[in-house]
């Protein structure tokens, strides 16, 4: 007789993902209705994955666990390299000037980390692995998504340092410095360089901060 001990595990994970996906869709609809900026890639995938897990789909269980490990490694990797992406002083200033917003962001990050850890543990439990083996599916090496996560973090750091260390970034910072003066420190928080038949278009966002305030200004120009 085929074992069904894995089904309660898949159903638990499915319910959690389905609820999160539906809540996320509700928040998205609310934001759209009230002209509030909102973006998320969780909602549809979470609903789809949740439904599949509720139906006992072992293939989707592997996909969800793969993604969970990839994101976990990415999260922890970004935490480690964050000082290379944003100055520590800016991060501390954000915490000091907006403690409630910073705590909300931290709480949300902790929520996602706990969720990913839980999904990895649940979908990697013995009954699920045994059910896959009984169905003739080969075991998946979860070191692969971990390695992909590490590689992604390294690639992001390298690309950002190349992008933010170039002439366009220096020009954006100089424009911000001309506008706000020497009483602030400056950091390139985002930059986009697009090339078309009409030439190259650069859009950059610069964060200016000191002990009392943080300002954000955007520039765009053609090269």
Foldseek 3Di string as FASTA:
>chain_A
DADPVLLVLLLVQLVVLLVVLVVVVVVVVVCVVVVHDDDDPRNVVSNVLSVCSNVVNLVSLVVLLLVLLLVLLLLVLCVVCVCLQPPPVVVVLCCVVCVPVVVVVVVVSVVSNVSSVSSNVSSPDPVSVVSCVVVVHDDDDSVVSNVVSNVVSVVVSVVSCVVCVDPVVVVVVVVVCVVPHDQWDKDWNDKDWDQDPVAIKIKTKMWTDDNPDIDIDIDMDGD
